[in-house]
N, C-alpha and C. Protein backbone atom coordinates (compact mmCIF):
# COMPACT_ATOMS: atom_id res chain seq x y z
N MET A 1 64.90 143.66 77.01
CA MET A 1 64.84 143.93 75.58
C MET A 1 65.73 142.97 74.80
N LYS A 2 66.96 142.73 75.30
CA LYS A 2 67.87 141.84 74.59
C LYS A 2 67.30 140.43 74.54
N ASN A 3 66.75 139.94 75.66
CA ASN A 3 66.19 138.61 75.68
C ASN A 3 64.99 138.52 74.76
N THR A 4 64.16 139.57 74.69
CA THR A 4 63.01 139.57 73.81
C THR A 4 63.42 139.43 72.36
N SER A 5 64.48 140.12 71.95
CA SER A 5 64.97 140.05 70.57
C SER A 5 65.36 138.62 70.21
N PHE A 6 66.10 137.95 71.10
CA PHE A 6 66.55 136.59 70.81
C PHE A 6 65.38 135.60 70.80
N VAL A 7 64.38 135.82 71.65
CA VAL A 7 63.20 134.94 71.66
C VAL A 7 62.44 135.06 70.34
N ILE A 8 62.23 136.31 69.88
CA ILE A 8 61.55 136.52 68.61
C ILE A 8 62.33 135.87 67.48
N PHE A 9 63.64 136.07 67.49
CA PHE A 9 64.51 135.53 66.44
C PHE A 9 64.45 134.00 66.41
N ALA A 10 64.60 133.36 67.57
CA ALA A 10 64.62 131.89 67.63
C ALA A 10 63.26 131.30 67.28
N THR A 11 62.17 131.92 67.76
CA THR A 11 60.83 131.42 67.48
C THR A 11 60.52 131.48 65.99
N ALA A 12 60.88 132.60 65.36
CA ALA A 12 60.62 132.74 63.93
C ALA A 12 61.40 131.73 63.10
N ILE A 13 62.65 131.44 63.49
CA ILE A 13 63.44 130.44 62.79
C ILE A 13 62.76 129.07 62.86
N LEU A 14 62.28 128.70 64.04
CA LEU A 14 61.61 127.42 64.20
C LEU A 14 60.35 127.33 63.34
N LEU A 15 59.61 128.43 63.24
CA LEU A 15 58.41 128.45 62.41
C LEU A 15 58.77 128.26 60.95
N PHE A 16 59.83 128.95 60.50
CA PHE A 16 60.26 128.80 59.12
C PHE A 16 60.62 127.35 58.81
N LEU A 17 61.39 126.74 59.69
CA LEU A 17 61.86 125.38 59.44
C LEU A 17 60.75 124.36 59.50
N SER A 18 59.70 124.64 60.26
CA SER A 18 58.63 123.66 60.45
C SER A 18 57.55 123.73 59.38
N VAL A 19 57.33 124.93 58.78
CA VAL A 19 56.21 125.07 57.84
C VAL A 19 56.65 125.23 56.40
N ALA A 20 57.88 125.59 56.15
CA ALA A 20 58.31 125.85 54.77
C ALA A 20 58.48 124.56 54.01
N GLY A 21 58.09 124.57 52.73
CA GLY A 21 58.23 123.40 51.89
C GLY A 21 59.57 123.37 51.19
N THR A 22 59.81 122.31 50.41
CA THR A 22 61.04 122.19 49.66
C THR A 22 60.74 122.19 48.18
N GLY A 23 61.77 122.40 47.37
CA GLY A 23 61.59 122.42 45.92
C GLY A 23 62.94 122.43 45.24
N ASN A 24 62.93 122.04 43.94
CA ASN A 24 64.19 121.94 43.22
C ASN A 24 64.20 122.76 41.93
N ALA A 25 63.19 123.59 41.71
CA ALA A 25 63.14 124.35 40.47
C ALA A 25 64.32 125.31 40.42
N GLN A 26 64.86 125.49 39.20
CA GLN A 26 66.03 126.33 39.04
C GLN A 26 65.67 127.79 38.82
N THR A 27 64.44 128.08 38.47
CA THR A 27 64.03 129.47 38.28
C THR A 27 63.50 130.05 39.59
N ARG A 28 63.71 131.35 39.77
CA ARG A 28 63.19 132.03 40.95
C ARG A 28 61.86 132.73 40.66
N ILE A 29 61.49 132.91 39.40
CA ILE A 29 60.29 133.68 39.08
C ILE A 29 59.07 133.08 39.77
N GLY A 30 58.33 133.92 40.49
CA GLY A 30 57.15 133.46 41.22
C GLY A 30 57.45 132.86 42.57
N THR A 31 58.75 132.75 42.92
CA THR A 31 59.14 132.19 44.21
C THR A 31 59.10 133.28 45.28
N ASN A 32 58.63 132.92 46.47
CA ASN A 32 58.62 133.83 47.61
C ASN A 32 59.82 133.55 48.51
N LEU A 33 60.32 134.60 49.13
CA LEU A 33 61.44 134.48 50.06
C LEU A 33 61.04 135.11 51.38
N GLY A 34 61.12 134.35 52.45
CA GLY A 34 60.89 134.88 53.79
C GLY A 34 62.17 134.82 54.59
N ALA A 35 62.38 135.80 55.45
CA ALA A 35 63.60 135.83 56.27
C ALA A 35 63.31 136.48 57.62
N VAL A 36 63.97 135.96 58.64
CA VAL A 36 63.93 136.57 59.97
C VAL A 36 65.36 136.77 60.42
N GLU A 37 65.64 137.95 60.97
CA GLU A 37 67.03 138.31 61.27
C GLU A 37 67.15 138.96 62.64
N TYR A 38 68.28 138.73 63.25
CA TYR A 38 68.67 139.48 64.45
C TYR A 38 69.36 140.75 63.98
N SER A 39 69.05 141.88 64.63
CA SER A 39 69.51 143.17 64.15
C SER A 39 70.27 143.94 65.22
N MET A 40 71.44 144.44 64.86
CA MET A 40 72.18 145.39 65.67
C MET A 40 72.07 146.77 65.02
N GLY A 41 72.20 147.83 65.81
CA GLY A 41 72.05 149.17 65.27
C GLY A 41 73.11 150.13 65.79
N PHE A 42 73.42 151.13 64.96
CA PHE A 42 74.43 152.12 65.31
C PHE A 42 73.92 153.50 64.88
N ASN A 43 73.67 154.36 65.85
CA ASN A 43 73.19 155.70 65.54
C ASN A 43 74.25 156.49 64.79
N SER A 44 73.80 157.43 63.97
CA SER A 44 74.70 158.35 63.29
C SER A 44 74.07 159.74 63.30
N GLY A 45 74.87 160.74 62.96
CA GLY A 45 74.35 162.09 62.90
C GLY A 45 73.83 162.60 64.22
N ARG A 46 72.72 163.33 64.17
CA ARG A 46 72.15 163.94 65.37
C ARG A 46 71.72 162.89 66.40
N ALA A 47 71.25 161.74 65.93
CA ALA A 47 70.81 160.69 66.85
C ALA A 47 71.95 160.19 67.73
N SER A 48 73.18 160.18 67.19
CA SER A 48 74.32 159.70 67.97
C SER A 48 74.71 160.69 69.07
N ASP A 49 74.30 161.96 68.92
CA ASP A 49 74.54 162.92 69.99
C ASP A 49 73.67 162.62 71.21
N TYR A 50 72.50 162.03 70.96
CA TYR A 50 71.59 161.69 72.05
C TYR A 50 71.97 160.35 72.68
N ILE A 51 72.23 159.33 71.82
CA ILE A 51 72.68 158.01 72.29
C ILE A 51 73.80 157.55 71.37
N SER A 52 75.00 157.43 71.90
CA SER A 52 76.14 156.99 71.09
C SER A 52 76.38 155.49 71.19
N ASP A 53 75.82 154.83 72.22
CA ASP A 53 76.02 153.39 72.37
C ASP A 53 75.28 152.62 71.28
N PRO A 54 75.84 151.51 70.80
CA PRO A 54 75.12 150.70 69.81
C PRO A 54 73.93 149.97 70.44
N SER A 55 73.04 149.51 69.58
CA SER A 55 71.88 148.74 70.02
C SER A 55 72.09 147.26 69.69
N PHE A 56 71.83 146.40 70.68
CA PHE A 56 71.85 144.96 70.46
C PHE A 56 70.47 144.35 70.65
N SER A 57 69.45 145.21 70.64
CA SER A 57 68.06 144.78 70.77
C SER A 57 67.32 145.12 69.49
N GLY A 58 67.14 144.14 68.64
CA GLY A 58 66.46 144.41 67.39
C GLY A 58 66.15 143.16 66.61
N ALA A 59 65.23 143.27 65.66
CA ALA A 59 64.83 142.16 64.81
C ALA A 59 64.32 142.70 63.49
N SER A 60 64.36 141.85 62.47
CA SER A 60 63.88 142.23 61.14
C SER A 60 63.12 141.05 60.54
N LEU A 61 61.98 141.35 59.92
CA LEU A 61 61.18 140.35 59.20
C LEU A 61 61.02 140.81 57.76
N THR A 62 61.23 139.90 56.82
CA THR A 62 61.20 140.24 55.40
C THR A 62 60.37 139.23 54.62
N PHE A 63 59.58 139.74 53.67
CA PHE A 63 58.89 138.87 52.72
C PHE A 63 59.06 139.47 51.33
N LYS A 64 59.56 138.65 50.38
CA LYS A 64 59.81 139.12 49.02
C LYS A 64 59.23 138.11 48.02
N ARG A 65 58.95 138.63 46.81
CA ARG A 65 58.52 137.77 45.71
C ARG A 65 59.36 138.12 44.48
N PHE A 66 59.92 137.09 43.85
CA PHE A 66 60.75 137.30 42.67
C PHE A 66 59.86 137.49 41.44
N VAL A 67 59.96 138.67 40.83
CA VAL A 67 59.22 138.96 39.60
C VAL A 67 60.08 138.66 38.38
N LYS A 68 61.39 138.56 38.57
CA LYS A 68 62.34 138.06 37.59
C LYS A 68 63.33 137.18 38.34
N ASN A 69 64.18 136.46 37.62
CA ASN A 69 65.14 135.60 38.30
C ASN A 69 66.07 136.37 39.23
N ASN A 70 66.34 137.62 38.91
CA ASN A 70 67.26 138.40 39.73
C ASN A 70 66.65 139.69 40.28
N VAL A 71 65.33 139.81 40.26
CA VAL A 71 64.65 141.00 40.81
C VAL A 71 63.51 140.55 41.72
N ALA A 72 63.49 141.11 42.93
CA ALA A 72 62.44 140.76 43.90
C ALA A 72 61.85 142.04 44.50
N VAL A 73 60.55 142.02 44.74
CA VAL A 73 59.87 143.12 45.43
C VAL A 73 59.24 142.56 46.70
N GLY A 74 59.06 143.42 47.70
CA GLY A 74 58.50 142.90 48.93
C GLY A 74 58.28 143.96 49.99
N VAL A 75 58.16 143.48 51.22
CA VAL A 75 57.98 144.36 52.38
C VAL A 75 58.96 143.92 53.46
N GLU A 76 59.34 144.88 54.30
CA GLU A 76 60.32 144.61 55.35
C GLU A 76 59.95 145.39 56.61
N PHE A 77 59.94 144.70 57.73
CA PHE A 77 59.64 145.31 59.02
C PHE A 77 60.89 145.22 59.90
N ASN A 78 61.27 146.35 60.50
CA ASN A 78 62.44 146.37 61.37
C ASN A 78 62.10 146.96 62.74
N TRP A 79 62.90 146.62 63.71
CA TRP A 79 62.72 147.15 65.07
C TRP A 79 64.08 147.21 65.74
N ASN A 80 64.41 148.38 66.25
CA ASN A 80 65.65 148.55 67.02
C ASN A 80 65.39 149.44 68.22
N VAL A 81 65.96 149.08 69.35
CA VAL A 81 65.85 149.87 70.57
C VAL A 81 67.25 150.28 71.02
N PHE A 82 67.46 151.58 71.17
CA PHE A 82 68.70 152.12 71.69
C PHE A 82 68.45 152.64 73.11
N SER A 83 69.40 152.42 74.01
CA SER A 83 69.25 152.90 75.39
C SER A 83 70.62 153.29 75.94
N ASP A 84 70.57 154.21 76.90
CA ASP A 84 71.81 154.69 77.52
C ASP A 84 71.48 155.25 78.89
N GLU A 85 72.11 154.72 79.93
CA GLU A 85 71.92 155.22 81.29
C GLU A 85 73.13 156.05 81.69
N GLN A 86 72.88 157.25 82.18
CA GLN A 86 73.96 158.17 82.54
C GLN A 86 73.78 158.65 83.98
N PRO A 87 74.67 158.27 84.89
CA PRO A 87 74.54 158.71 86.29
C PRO A 87 74.75 160.22 86.45
N ASP A 88 75.50 160.82 85.54
CA ASP A 88 75.74 162.27 85.59
C ASP A 88 75.45 162.88 84.23
N GLY A 89 74.24 162.67 83.74
CA GLY A 89 73.87 163.16 82.42
C GLY A 89 73.52 164.64 82.41
N PHE A 90 73.52 165.19 81.19
CA PHE A 90 73.16 166.60 81.01
C PHE A 90 72.36 166.71 79.73
N THR A 91 71.15 167.24 79.82
CA THR A 91 70.29 167.43 78.65
C THR A 91 69.81 168.87 78.61
N GLU A 92 70.02 169.51 77.47
CA GLU A 92 69.66 170.91 77.31
C GLU A 92 68.33 171.03 76.56
N PHE A 93 67.46 171.91 77.02
CA PHE A 93 66.19 172.21 76.37
C PHE A 93 66.20 173.67 75.92
N GLN A 94 65.14 174.06 75.23
CA GLN A 94 65.06 175.44 74.75
C GLN A 94 65.01 176.45 75.91
N ASN A 95 64.36 176.05 76.99
CA ASN A 95 64.17 176.98 78.12
C ASN A 95 64.97 176.60 79.36
N GLY A 96 66.00 175.79 79.19
CA GLY A 96 66.80 175.40 80.34
C GLY A 96 67.49 174.08 80.11
N ALA A 97 67.94 173.46 81.19
CA ALA A 97 68.66 172.19 81.09
C ALA A 97 68.45 171.40 82.37
N VAL A 98 68.67 170.09 82.28
CA VAL A 98 68.59 169.22 83.44
C VAL A 98 69.88 168.41 83.52
N SER A 99 70.33 168.11 84.73
CA SER A 99 71.53 167.30 84.92
C SER A 99 71.27 166.32 86.04
N GLY A 100 72.07 165.26 86.06
CA GLY A 100 71.92 164.23 87.07
C GLY A 100 71.64 162.89 86.43
N ALA A 101 71.24 161.92 87.23
CA ALA A 101 70.97 160.56 86.73
C ALA A 101 69.80 160.58 85.76
N GLN A 102 70.01 160.00 84.60
CA GLN A 102 68.96 159.96 83.58
C GLN A 102 69.19 158.77 82.67
N ALA A 103 68.11 158.35 82.03
CA ALA A 103 68.16 157.26 81.05
C ALA A 103 67.54 157.74 79.75
N ARG A 104 68.17 157.39 78.65
CA ARG A 104 67.72 157.82 77.33
C ARG A 104 67.34 156.61 76.48
N TYR A 105 66.30 156.76 75.68
CA TYR A 105 65.83 155.66 74.83
C TYR A 105 65.41 156.21 73.47
N ILE A 106 65.65 155.40 72.42
CA ILE A 106 65.08 155.64 71.10
C ILE A 106 64.57 154.31 70.56
N ASN A 107 63.32 154.28 70.11
CA ASN A 107 62.73 153.13 69.43
C ASN A 107 62.56 153.47 67.96
N TYR A 108 63.11 152.63 67.08
CA TYR A 108 62.90 152.77 65.65
C TYR A 108 62.04 151.61 65.15
N ILE A 109 60.93 151.93 64.48
CA ILE A 109 60.08 150.88 63.90
C ILE A 109 59.72 151.30 62.48
N PRO A 110 60.58 151.00 61.49
CA PRO A 110 60.26 151.32 60.10
C PRO A 110 59.54 150.16 59.39
N LEU A 111 58.68 150.52 58.45
CA LEU A 111 58.04 149.55 57.56
C LEU A 111 58.35 149.99 56.13
N TYR A 112 59.06 149.12 55.39
CA TYR A 112 59.56 149.47 54.07
C TYR A 112 58.88 148.65 52.98
N ALA A 113 58.69 149.26 51.82
CA ALA A 113 58.49 148.55 50.56
C ALA A 113 59.86 148.41 49.92
N THR A 114 60.15 147.25 49.34
CA THR A 114 61.52 146.97 48.89
C THR A 114 61.55 146.51 47.43
N ILE A 115 62.66 146.81 46.78
CA ILE A 115 62.97 146.22 45.47
C ILE A 115 64.46 145.91 45.46
N GLY A 116 64.79 144.67 45.14
CA GLY A 116 66.18 144.24 45.21
C GLY A 116 66.65 143.59 43.93
N TYR A 117 67.95 143.73 43.66
CA TYR A 117 68.58 143.10 42.50
C TYR A 117 69.59 142.07 42.99
N TYR A 118 69.45 140.82 42.52
CA TYR A 118 70.31 139.71 42.93
C TYR A 118 71.26 139.37 41.78
N PHE A 119 72.55 139.19 42.10
CA PHE A 119 73.56 139.07 41.07
C PHE A 119 73.75 137.65 40.56
N ASN A 120 72.98 136.69 41.06
CA ASN A 120 73.00 135.32 40.55
C ASN A 120 71.61 134.98 40.03
N GLN A 121 71.54 134.31 38.90
CA GLN A 121 70.26 134.08 38.24
C GLN A 121 69.42 132.98 38.87
N GLY A 122 70.05 131.92 39.39
CA GLY A 122 69.28 130.77 39.85
C GLY A 122 69.72 130.26 41.19
N HIS A 123 69.38 129.01 41.50
CA HIS A 123 69.59 128.41 42.82
C HIS A 123 70.97 127.77 42.99
N ARG A 124 71.71 127.54 41.91
CA ARG A 124 72.90 126.72 42.02
C ARG A 124 74.03 127.42 42.77
N SER A 125 74.09 128.72 42.75
CA SER A 125 75.16 129.45 43.41
C SER A 125 74.98 129.42 44.92
N LYS A 126 76.06 129.16 45.63
CA LYS A 126 76.02 129.18 47.10
C LYS A 126 76.00 130.60 47.64
N PHE A 127 76.76 131.49 47.01
CA PHE A 127 76.90 132.87 47.48
C PHE A 127 76.12 133.79 46.56
N ILE A 128 75.14 134.51 47.11
CA ILE A 128 74.23 135.33 46.30
C ILE A 128 74.22 136.76 46.84
N PRO A 129 75.04 137.65 46.30
CA PRO A 129 75.02 139.05 46.74
C PRO A 129 73.84 139.80 46.13
N TYR A 130 73.44 140.90 46.79
CA TYR A 130 72.33 141.69 46.26
C TYR A 130 72.44 143.14 46.75
N VAL A 131 71.74 144.02 46.04
CA VAL A 131 71.54 145.40 46.46
C VAL A 131 70.04 145.65 46.52
N GLN A 132 69.63 146.55 47.40
CA GLN A 132 68.19 146.73 47.60
C GLN A 132 67.87 148.18 47.97
N ALA A 133 66.76 148.69 47.45
CA ALA A 133 66.26 150.01 47.81
C ALA A 133 65.02 149.84 48.67
N ASN A 134 64.96 150.55 49.80
CA ASN A 134 63.84 150.47 50.72
C ASN A 134 63.24 151.86 50.92
N VAL A 135 61.91 151.96 50.80
CA VAL A 135 61.21 153.23 50.98
C VAL A 135 59.95 152.98 51.80
N GLY A 136 59.67 153.85 52.77
CA GLY A 136 58.47 153.65 53.57
C GLY A 136 58.30 154.69 54.65
N ALA A 137 57.74 154.26 55.76
CA ALA A 137 57.48 155.14 56.90
C ALA A 137 58.05 154.50 58.16
N ALA A 138 58.45 155.35 59.10
CA ALA A 138 59.04 154.86 60.35
C ALA A 138 58.42 155.60 61.54
N TRP A 139 58.01 154.81 62.53
CA TRP A 139 57.62 155.40 63.81
C TRP A 139 58.87 155.46 64.69
N ILE A 140 59.15 156.64 65.23
CA ILE A 140 60.33 156.82 66.08
C ILE A 140 59.88 157.43 67.40
N GLY A 141 60.18 156.73 68.48
CA GLY A 141 59.85 157.19 69.81
C GLY A 141 61.10 157.51 70.61
N GLN A 142 61.15 158.69 71.19
CA GLN A 142 62.30 159.13 71.98
C GLN A 142 61.83 159.38 73.41
N ARG A 143 62.61 158.92 74.39
CA ARG A 143 62.24 159.09 75.80
C ARG A 143 63.44 159.53 76.62
N LEU A 144 63.18 160.43 77.57
CA LEU A 144 64.17 160.83 78.56
C LEU A 144 63.57 160.55 79.93
N GLN A 145 64.23 159.68 80.69
CA GLN A 145 63.77 159.29 82.03
C GLN A 145 64.61 160.03 83.06
N LEU A 146 63.94 160.80 83.91
CA LEU A 146 64.60 161.57 84.97
C LEU A 146 64.00 161.14 86.31
N GLY A 147 64.62 160.16 86.95
CA GLY A 147 64.05 159.62 88.18
C GLY A 147 62.70 158.98 87.88
N VAL A 148 61.64 159.44 88.58
CA VAL A 148 60.30 158.90 88.34
C VAL A 148 59.59 159.67 87.22
N ASN A 149 60.20 160.73 86.74
CA ASN A 149 59.60 161.54 85.69
C ASN A 149 60.14 161.13 84.32
N LYS A 150 59.32 161.26 83.30
CA LYS A 150 59.76 160.91 81.95
C LYS A 150 59.18 161.91 80.95
N ILE A 151 59.94 162.14 79.89
CA ILE A 151 59.51 162.99 78.79
C ILE A 151 59.52 162.15 77.53
N ASP A 152 58.37 162.05 76.87
CA ASP A 152 58.24 161.23 75.67
C ASP A 152 58.00 162.11 74.45
N ASN A 153 58.53 161.65 73.33
CA ASN A 153 58.31 162.33 72.06
C ASN A 153 58.29 161.28 70.96
N ASP A 154 57.27 161.28 70.10
CA ASP A 154 57.22 160.32 69.01
C ASP A 154 56.57 160.95 67.78
N ASN A 155 57.01 160.49 66.62
CA ASN A 155 56.50 160.99 65.34
C ASN A 155 56.64 159.90 64.28
N TRP A 156 55.82 160.03 63.22
CA TRP A 156 56.00 159.23 62.02
C TRP A 156 56.86 160.00 61.04
N HIS A 157 57.81 159.30 60.40
CA HIS A 157 58.76 159.92 59.49
C HIS A 157 58.74 159.21 58.14
N PHE A 158 58.95 159.95 57.07
CA PHE A 158 59.23 159.33 55.77
C PHE A 158 60.65 158.76 55.85
N ALA A 159 60.82 157.50 55.40
CA ALA A 159 62.09 156.80 55.61
C ALA A 159 62.59 156.15 54.34
N VAL A 160 63.91 156.18 54.15
CA VAL A 160 64.55 155.46 53.05
C VAL A 160 65.72 154.66 53.63
N GLY A 161 66.05 153.53 52.99
CA GLY A 161 67.11 152.69 53.54
C GLY A 161 67.81 151.87 52.49
N PRO A 162 68.83 152.38 51.81
CA PRO A 162 69.61 151.56 50.89
C PRO A 162 70.29 150.40 51.63
N GLU A 163 70.32 149.25 50.98
CA GLU A 163 70.78 148.02 51.64
C GLU A 163 71.73 147.23 50.75
N LEU A 164 72.77 146.67 51.36
CA LEU A 164 73.69 145.75 50.69
C LEU A 164 73.73 144.46 51.50
N GLY A 165 73.78 143.33 50.82
CA GLY A 165 73.84 142.08 51.57
C GLY A 165 74.13 140.88 50.69
N PHE A 166 74.07 139.72 51.31
CA PHE A 166 74.22 138.49 50.56
C PHE A 166 73.47 137.37 51.28
N MET A 167 73.17 136.34 50.50
CA MET A 167 72.61 135.11 51.05
C MET A 167 73.61 133.98 50.78
N TYR A 168 73.75 133.08 51.75
CA TYR A 168 74.62 131.92 51.58
C TYR A 168 73.76 130.68 51.75
N VAL A 169 73.68 129.87 50.69
CA VAL A 169 72.80 128.70 50.68
C VAL A 169 73.34 127.63 51.62
N LEU A 170 72.48 127.17 52.56
CA LEU A 170 72.85 126.14 53.52
C LEU A 170 72.31 124.76 53.15
N GLY A 171 71.24 124.75 52.37
CA GLY A 171 70.60 123.50 52.00
C GLY A 171 69.51 123.80 50.99
N THR A 172 68.66 122.82 50.71
CA THR A 172 67.58 123.01 49.76
C THR A 172 66.66 124.12 50.21
N ASP A 173 66.76 125.25 49.54
CA ASP A 173 65.92 126.42 49.80
C ASP A 173 66.19 127.12 51.13
N LEU A 174 67.13 126.65 51.92
CA LEU A 174 67.45 127.26 53.21
C LEU A 174 68.77 128.03 53.09
N MET A 175 68.82 129.23 53.66
CA MET A 175 70.01 130.06 53.51
C MET A 175 70.24 130.93 54.73
N MET A 176 71.49 131.36 54.89
CA MET A 176 71.83 132.38 55.86
C MET A 176 71.78 133.73 55.16
N THR A 177 71.25 134.75 55.83
CA THR A 177 71.19 136.09 55.27
C THR A 177 72.06 137.03 56.10
N VAL A 178 72.80 137.88 55.42
CA VAL A 178 73.64 138.89 56.06
C VAL A 178 73.47 140.20 55.28
N ASN A 179 73.21 141.29 55.96
CA ASN A 179 73.04 142.55 55.25
C ASN A 179 73.32 143.75 56.15
N GLY A 180 73.57 144.87 55.52
CA GLY A 180 73.73 146.14 56.21
C GLY A 180 72.85 147.18 55.56
N LYS A 181 72.28 148.09 56.36
CA LYS A 181 71.34 149.07 55.84
C LYS A 181 71.57 150.43 56.49
N TYR A 182 71.59 151.47 55.67
CA TYR A 182 71.63 152.83 56.19
C TYR A 182 70.21 153.38 56.18
N ASN A 183 69.70 153.74 57.34
CA ASN A 183 68.32 154.23 57.48
C ASN A 183 68.33 155.74 57.69
N TYR A 184 67.66 156.47 56.80
CA TYR A 184 67.54 157.91 56.95
C TYR A 184 66.07 158.28 57.08
N ASN A 185 65.73 158.97 58.16
CA ASN A 185 64.35 159.35 58.44
C ASN A 185 64.24 160.88 58.40
N LEU A 186 63.45 161.38 57.46
CA LEU A 186 63.33 162.82 57.28
C LEU A 186 62.69 163.45 58.51
N SER A 187 62.98 164.72 58.71
CA SER A 187 62.46 165.46 59.86
C SER A 187 60.94 165.50 59.83
N ALA A 188 60.32 165.30 60.98
CA ALA A 188 58.86 165.36 61.11
C ALA A 188 58.52 165.81 62.53
N GLY A 189 57.62 166.77 62.66
CA GLY A 189 57.24 167.25 63.99
C GLY A 189 58.41 167.94 64.68
N GLU A 190 58.41 167.83 66.00
CA GLU A 190 59.47 168.42 66.82
C GLU A 190 60.22 167.33 67.56
N ASN A 191 61.49 167.61 67.89
CA ASN A 191 62.24 166.66 68.69
C ASN A 191 61.93 166.84 70.18
N LEU A 192 62.57 166.06 71.00
CA LEU A 192 62.29 166.06 72.44
C LEU A 192 62.59 167.41 73.07
N ARG A 193 63.48 168.17 72.48
CA ARG A 193 63.84 169.49 73.00
C ARG A 193 62.91 170.59 72.49
N GLY A 194 61.91 170.21 71.65
CA GLY A 194 60.97 171.18 71.12
C GLY A 194 61.45 171.90 69.88
N GLU A 195 62.47 171.37 69.19
CA GLU A 195 63.02 172.00 68.00
C GLU A 195 62.50 171.32 66.74
N ASP A 196 62.50 172.05 65.61
CA ASP A 196 62.02 171.51 64.35
C ASP A 196 62.99 170.52 63.71
N ASP A 197 64.26 170.59 64.08
CA ASP A 197 65.26 169.68 63.53
C ASP A 197 65.06 168.30 64.15
N ASN A 198 64.35 167.44 63.45
CA ASN A 198 63.96 166.15 64.03
C ASN A 198 64.19 165.00 63.05
N GLU A 199 65.32 164.99 62.38
CA GLU A 199 65.68 163.89 61.51
C GLU A 199 66.53 162.88 62.28
N TYR A 200 66.49 161.64 61.83
CA TYR A 200 67.24 160.56 62.48
C TYR A 200 67.93 159.73 61.41
N SER A 201 69.10 159.22 61.73
CA SER A 201 69.78 158.28 60.85
C SER A 201 70.51 157.24 61.70
N TYR A 202 70.53 156.01 61.20
CA TYR A 202 71.23 154.93 61.89
C TYR A 202 71.53 153.82 60.91
N ILE A 203 72.41 152.93 61.31
CA ILE A 203 72.85 151.82 60.48
C ILE A 203 72.45 150.51 61.14
N ASN A 204 71.93 149.59 60.32
CA ASN A 204 71.62 148.22 60.78
C ASN A 204 72.70 147.25 60.31
N ALA A 205 73.02 146.27 61.12
CA ALA A 205 73.81 145.11 60.71
C ALA A 205 73.01 143.89 61.12
N ASN A 206 72.58 143.09 60.13
CA ASN A 206 71.63 142.00 60.38
C ASN A 206 72.18 140.65 59.95
N ILE A 207 71.80 139.61 60.67
CA ILE A 207 72.13 138.24 60.30
C ILE A 207 70.96 137.36 60.67
N GLY A 208 70.62 136.42 59.77
CA GLY A 208 69.45 135.61 60.06
C GLY A 208 69.32 134.41 59.14
N ILE A 209 68.09 133.92 59.03
CA ILE A 209 67.75 132.73 58.25
C ILE A 209 66.68 133.09 57.23
N GLY A 210 66.88 132.65 55.99
CA GLY A 210 65.89 132.84 54.94
C GLY A 210 65.46 131.52 54.34
N TYR A 211 64.28 131.52 53.70
CA TYR A 211 63.76 130.28 53.12
C TYR A 211 62.94 130.61 51.87
N TYR A 212 63.20 129.89 50.77
CA TYR A 212 62.36 130.01 49.59
C TYR A 212 61.03 129.29 49.86
N ILE A 213 59.94 129.96 49.63
CA ILE A 213 58.60 129.39 49.87
C ILE A 213 57.87 129.33 48.53
N ARG A 214 57.47 128.13 48.14
CA ARG A 214 56.84 127.94 46.81
C ARG A 214 55.35 127.67 46.95
């Protein structure tokens, strides 16, 4: 999983650098922004009770269009995989419990519609901070592996993700992107234990490459 994340990240960067054009216009209106990022994740709330270890397997793809010099709308796709192997694990269910060697997994795959506000009006600033609101749906898959046996549970959730970040200009239209996002997924269906309490929350920390596309 870790190697897959880095391959996706590196391949996408090469594609951006090879196909993106250049430009010198000072206005952002009508300009598109694409970004690919490596993503780390940290469970919070109930999800951290299941897996407390951070995730280093993840990626994010973003496409935005500036409708004003400092306002952009777009779409964002994220992926994070959390895993934890426990030689002496204990998992409780409604009708009993299991103990012994087990492996736990959570896959988060949200798709967001985004609107962001950028605090610099044009291209001349090197450091460009922004705030962003993300709303959409997330597929969340939970797995418990017990030897050769496995228990799977997955649902679609309504998801929101407020985001803070900045871009640092590296060259003509090329920039580094850094951001953090709190992802909250409302309860949907049942959790792996068969309970109705099935909400998830986690935090992303992302770093990557962005490019203005004209």
